[in-house]
Protein backbone atom coordinates (compact mmCIF):
# COMPACT_ATOMS: atom_id res chain seq x y z
CA MET A 1 8.81 -10.84 15.50
CA PRO A 2 5.07 -9.64 14.80
CA TYR A 3 2.87 -12.46 13.18
CA ALA A 4 1.95 -9.89 10.53
CA SER A 5 3.06 -6.37 9.45
CA ILE A 6 1.20 -3.04 9.11
CA ARG A 7 1.94 -3.28 5.41
CA GLU A 8 0.14 -6.69 5.17
CA VAL A 9 -2.95 -5.56 7.13
CA ARG A 10 -3.15 -2.48 4.99
CA ALA A 11 -2.72 -4.41 1.68
CA TYR A 12 -5.25 -6.94 2.63
CA ASN A 13 -7.81 -4.23 3.29
CA GLY A 14 -6.86 -1.78 0.61
CA TRP A 15 -6.12 0.79 3.29
CA SER A 16 -3.31 2.44 1.21
CA PRO A 17 -1.72 5.72 2.66
CA LEU A 18 -3.27 8.83 0.95
CA GLN A 19 -0.88 11.52 -0.25
CA VAL A 20 -1.20 15.12 0.57
CA LYS A 21 1.00 17.64 -1.38
CA GLY A 22 1.71 21.31 -0.70
CA GLU A 23 -0.71 21.75 2.09
CA VAL A 24 -0.50 24.95 4.16
CA LEU A 25 0.00 23.95 7.68
CA GLU A 26 -1.85 25.64 10.63
CA ARG A 27 0.51 27.46 12.93
CA LEU A 28 0.47 26.43 16.54
CA SER A 29 3.89 28.09 17.67
CA ASP A 30 7.21 29.24 16.26
CA THR A 31 7.96 25.50 15.67
CA GLU A 32 4.89 23.58 15.77
CA PHE A 33 2.55 23.18 13.04
CA ARG A 34 -0.61 21.11 12.31
CA ALA A 35 -1.68 19.17 9.32
CA SER A 36 -5.30 19.04 8.36
CA ARG A 37 -5.39 15.30 7.71
CA LYS A 38 -4.47 12.72 10.48
CA PRO A 39 -3.20 10.34 11.44
CA ILE A 40 -0.07 10.81 9.39
CA VAL A 41 1.31 7.40 8.44
CA ASP A 42 4.43 5.69 7.47
CA TYR A 43 4.26 5.50 3.69
CA ASP A 44 7.32 3.09 3.16
CA TYR A 45 6.88 1.08 6.16
CA ASP A 46 10.26 1.42 7.52
CA GLY A 47 9.15 2.58 11.11
CA ASP A 48 10.34 6.20 10.47
CA LEU A 49 7.82 8.93 9.76
CA LEU A 50 10.35 11.50 9.37
CA ASP A 51 11.50 10.40 5.82
CA ASP A 52 7.95 10.40 4.73
CA VAL A 53 7.18 13.99 5.46
CA LYS A 54 8.68 17.11 3.81
CA VAL A 55 8.13 20.49 4.99
CA TYR A 56 8.94 23.86 3.36
CA VAL A 57 9.05 27.31 4.80
CA ASP A 58 8.51 29.86 1.97
CA GLY A 59 9.57 27.15 -0.39
CA ALA A 60 12.82 26.10 1.25
CA SER A 61 13.25 22.71 2.87
CA ALA A 62 13.04 22.74 6.66
CA GLY A 63 14.16 20.18 9.10
CA ILE A 64 11.82 18.06 11.17
CA ALA A 65 12.43 17.48 14.89
CA SER A 66 9.42 15.30 15.61
CA ILE A 67 6.09 14.12 14.48
CA ASP A 68 3.03 13.40 16.59
CA PRO A 69 1.03 11.21 13.96
CA ASP A 70 -2.32 10.84 15.76
CA ARG A 71 -2.56 14.73 16.28
CA GLY A 72 -1.02 15.69 12.96
CA ILE A 73 1.44 17.96 14.70
CA ILE A 74 4.79 18.54 12.99
CA THR A 75 7.52 20.11 15.19
CA LEU A 76 10.38 21.83 13.18
CA GLN A 77 14.09 22.14 14.24
CA ASP A 78 14.22 25.75 13.87
CA PRO A 79 11.72 28.70 14.79
CA VAL A 80 9.78 30.01 11.83
CA ALA A 81 9.15 33.76 11.51
CA GLU A 82 5.75 35.26 11.70
CA GLY A 83 4.29 35.67 8.28
CA SER A 84 6.13 32.82 6.69
CA THR A 85 4.24 30.21 4.61
CA VAL A 86 4.83 26.75 5.92
CA THR A 87 3.68 23.75 3.59
CA ALA A 88 4.12 20.08 3.82
CA ASP A 89 3.90 16.95 1.82
CA TYR A 90 2.84 13.86 3.78
CA TYR A 91 0.82 10.71 3.73
CA TRP A 92 -2.24 9.88 6.02
CA HIS A 93 -5.03 7.48 6.55
CA PRO A 94 -7.98 7.61 8.92
CA ILE A 95 -6.86 4.15 10.28
CA GLY A 96 -3.49 5.10 11.72
CA ASP A 97 -0.50 2.94 12.08
CA ASP A 98 -0.60 2.79 15.83
CA GLU A 99 -4.16 1.48 15.65
CA ILE A 100 -3.18 -1.28 13.42
CA LYS A 101 -0.12 -2.18 15.38
CA LEU A 102 -2.44 -2.47 18.63
CA ALA A 103 -4.92 -4.66 16.55
CA ILE A 104 -1.99 -6.88 15.57
CA ALA A 105 -0.98 -7.31 19.19
CA GLU A 106 -4.59 -8.15 20.22
CA ALA A 107 -4.63 -10.62 17.28
CA GLU A 108 -1.46 -12.31 18.43
CA ALA A 109 -2.74 -12.64 22.10
CA GLU A 110 -5.93 -14.32 20.87
CA ILE A 111 -4.15 -16.71 18.59
CA GLU A 112 -1.70 -17.71 21.35
CA SER A 113 -4.66 -18.13 23.75
CA LYS A 114 -6.41 -20.43 21.10
CA THR A 115 -3.40 -22.39 20.29
CA GLY A 116 -1.33 -22.63 23.38
CA ILE A 117 1.69 -21.82 21.40
CA LYS A 118 3.73 -18.62 21.27
CA PHE A 119 4.96 -18.53 17.65
CA GLU A 120 7.81 -16.28 17.93
CA PRO A 121 11.31 -17.51 19.29
CA HIS A 122 11.46 -17.68 23.03
CA SER A 123 13.47 -19.69 25.64
CA LYS A 124 11.78 -22.59 27.42
CA VAL A 125 12.86 -24.90 30.31
CA GLU A 126 10.81 -28.14 30.87
CA GLU A 127 11.14 -30.96 33.26
CA ILE A 128 10.51 -34.41 31.59
CA ILE A 129 9.90 -37.71 33.21
CA LEU A 130 10.27 -40.44 30.79
CA ASN A 131 8.75 -43.97 31.76
CA TYR A 132 9.33 -45.85 28.67
CA GLY A 133 11.43 -45.69 25.56
CA SER A 134 13.92 -43.11 24.28
CA GLU A 135 11.49 -40.49 22.57
CA PHE A 136 9.49 -37.79 24.11
CA ASN A 137 7.80 -34.56 23.33
CA VAL A 138 8.19 -31.11 24.71
CA SER A 139 5.21 -28.77 24.87
CA GLU A 140 6.02 -26.45 22.01
CA PRO A 141 7.80 -26.61 18.54
CA ILE A 142 11.47 -26.62 18.72
CA ILE A 143 13.84 -24.26 16.90
CA SER A 144 17.00 -25.53 18.62
CA ILE A 145 17.92 -27.21 21.89
CA THR A 146 20.24 -25.47 24.36
CA SER A 147 20.92 -28.27 26.52
CA ILE A 148 19.48 -31.56 28.02
CA LYS A 149 20.41 -32.56 31.37
CA HIS A 150 19.86 -36.11 32.86
CA LEU A 151 19.11 -36.34 36.59
CA TYR A 152 21.57 -39.02 37.97
CA ASP A 153 22.47 -39.64 41.49
CA ASP A 154 20.68 -36.70 42.58
CA SER A 155 22.52 -34.33 40.32
CA TYR A 156 22.04 -33.37 36.68
CA LYS A 157 24.40 -34.32 34.14
CA GLU A 158 24.45 -32.52 30.84
CA LEU A 159 24.20 -34.70 27.74
CA GLY A 160 26.49 -34.12 24.85
CA SER A 161 24.94 -32.76 21.56
CA ASP A 162 25.78 -36.16 19.94
CA GLU A 163 23.54 -37.92 22.57
CA TYR A 164 20.27 -36.74 21.31
CA GLU A 165 18.37 -35.47 18.17
CA ILE A 166 15.39 -33.64 17.08
CA VAL A 167 12.97 -35.99 15.46
CA ASP A 168 10.33 -33.43 14.47
CA LYS A 169 10.61 -29.70 15.20
CA GLU A 170 6.95 -29.07 14.61
CA THR A 171 5.65 -31.43 17.25
CA GLY A 172 8.64 -30.94 19.55
CA ARG A 173 9.70 -34.61 19.31
CA ILE A 174 13.28 -35.52 20.71
CA ARG A 175 15.17 -38.86 20.79
CA LEU A 176 17.73 -39.89 23.29
CA LYS A 177 20.42 -41.99 21.69
CA ASN A 178 22.15 -43.73 24.57
CA ILE A 179 19.35 -43.66 27.21
CA ILE A 180 16.20 -45.83 27.28
CA ALA A 181 13.40 -45.59 30.07
CA GLY A 182 11.58 -48.68 31.21
CA VAL A 183 14.60 -51.04 31.24
CA ALA A 184 15.25 -53.09 34.40
CA VAL A 185 18.42 -52.06 35.87
CA PRO A 186 20.48 -53.70 38.92
CA PRO A 187 20.65 -54.09 41.78
CA TRP A 188 16.81 -54.14 42.13
CA TYR A 189 16.04 -54.63 38.50
CA LEU A 190 13.26 -52.17 38.66
CA PRO A 191 12.30 -50.40 35.50
CA LEU A 192 14.41 -47.21 34.89
CA ARG A 193 12.56 -43.77 35.00
CA VAL A 194 14.46 -41.08 33.25
CA ARG A 195 14.23 -37.52 34.52
CA LEU A 196 15.39 -34.85 32.24
CA ARG A 197 15.53 -30.99 32.22
CA VAL A 198 15.33 -29.63 28.67
CA GLU A 199 16.34 -26.13 27.88
CA TYR A 200 15.45 -25.08 24.32
CA THR A 201 14.32 -22.23 21.81
CA ALA A 202 10.64 -22.63 21.09
CA GLY A 203 8.54 -21.19 18.49
CA TYR A 204 9.02 -20.81 14.74
CA GLU A 205 11.98 -19.24 12.76
CA THR A 206 9.34 -17.72 10.42
CA VAL A 207 5.64 -17.36 11.23
CA PRO A 208 3.49 -20.07 9.55
CA ASP A 209 1.29 -18.99 6.71
CA MET A 210 -1.92 -19.88 8.54
CA VAL A 211 -0.93 -17.92 11.64
CA LYS A 212 -0.07 -14.84 9.51
CA HIS A 213 -3.28 -15.18 7.72
CA ALA A 214 -5.39 -15.48 10.92
CA THR A 215 -3.45 -12.40 12.47
CA ILE A 216 -4.37 -10.34 9.45
CA LEU A 217 -8.07 -11.43 9.64
CA ILE A 218 -8.41 -10.85 13.40
CA ALA A 219 -6.54 -7.47 13.30
CA SER A 220 -8.71 -6.31 10.42
CA TYR A 221 -11.83 -7.30 12.30
CA GLN A 222 -10.91 -5.45 15.49
CA VAL A 223 -10.11 -2.24 13.50
CA LEU A 224 -13.30 -2.33 11.72
CA LEU A 225 -15.38 -3.20 14.85
CA ARG A 226 -13.89 -0.30 16.43
CA ILE A 227 -14.89 1.99 13.55
CA GLN A 228 -18.46 0.49 13.69
CA ARG A 229 -18.77 1.24 17.43
CA GLN A 230 -17.35 4.86 16.96
CA ILE A 231 -19.88 5.88 14.23
CA SER A 232 -22.61 4.63 16.73
CA PHE A 233 -21.72 7.46 19.00
CA SER A 234 -20.52 10.20 16.61
CA GLU A 235 -21.24 11.71 13.25
CA ASP A 236 -17.67 11.26 12.01
CA TYR A 237 -17.92 8.95 9.06
CA THR A 238 -14.31 9.75 7.67
CA ALA A 239 -13.20 6.15 8.07
CA ILE A 240 -16.10 4.73 6.42
CA THR A 241 -16.05 7.02 3.42
CA VAL A 242 -12.44 6.23 2.82
CA ALA A 243 -12.91 2.52 3.04
CA PHE A 244 -16.44 1.91 2.18
CA LYS A 245 -19.35 3.56 0.09
CA THR A 246 -22.09 2.89 2.82
CA PRO A 247 -22.27 1.85 6.32
CA ASN A 248 -23.92 -1.31 5.03
CA GLU A 249 -20.81 -2.33 3.34
CA LEU A 250 -18.94 -2.13 6.72
CA THR A 251 -21.48 -4.35 8.18
CA GLU A 252 -21.15 -6.89 5.37
CA ARG A 253 -17.31 -6.71 5.66
CA LEU A 254 -17.54 -7.48 9.37
CA GLU A 255 -19.77 -10.41 8.79
CA PHE A 256 -17.45 -11.88 6.25
CA LEU A 257 -14.51 -11.31 8.60
CA ARG A 258 -16.08 -12.71 11.54
CA ALA A 259 -16.94 -16.00 9.61
CA GLU A 260 -13.43 -16.22 8.19
CA VAL A 261 -11.79 -15.64 11.64
CA GLU A 262 -13.74 -18.52 13.04
CA ARG A 263 -13.04 -20.80 10.11
CA VAL A 264 -9.29 -20.09 10.10
CA LYS A 265 -8.90 -20.38 13.82
CA ASP A 266 -10.16 -23.94 13.67
CA MET A 267 -7.15 -24.61 11.34
CA LEU A 268 -4.44 -23.28 13.60
CA PRO A 269 -1.78 -25.65 15.04
CA ARG A 270 -2.46 -26.73 18.56
CA ARG A 271 -0.04 -27.26 21.46
CA VAL A 272 1.14 -30.84 21.58
CA ALA A 273 0.67 -32.74 24.92
CA LYS A 274 3.95 -34.11 26.36
CA ILE A 275 4.39 -37.88 26.60
């Protein structure tokens, strides 16, 4: 479950796929042909490029075996005779899908490092020592509890699902119904310490809006920062001319995103300390 989608990052920045129709492809071999524009991108965001690219050999539809989006190479299922005209309809953008996907992954890692929380569902096992009362926190938000086991006479006894309840999923707060720590018990009448092993599914069933927004901001910043670095070492301004009128606009956008990223990161939820 990514924290944001390629579609959402493109929509936020106005990086909509650009359509090319009827382009004559460059022949590389009997089955391989190259488009002039790349990377080729997924127009309908379904994870499949094959349904977004149409190839015609002398006007007849041709089957596609594979597509290398970053190189713009389209491989056909059947060989094409010399002298045939091969054309294609496809979508492209100088900021490719793989580049955005990588930026989203980098944004997720940064958010998890900042918050101490992994927001997608994942399994956790924690050892809890409860010194007083019947309520405690696990370290991450709870989706569901798999089991709670109570260490009793050197062995763990699993509690029934009717013996505990989730008080607050967001803070990971759980209450035991039949066990209270800190109570003096015979024969020595010492306060009872309760040791538990909690296995649960942590994270969120849906990504919080603030986390999604932060992911989009950070991913956008990472992509544009790479473009800025790229033009410092080359004369290829394709990515800028598609998204911005001048390099100054790119700089201004980066400054805005940097400020927004820092502002939103301070508003993200934080990992809760266990008590």
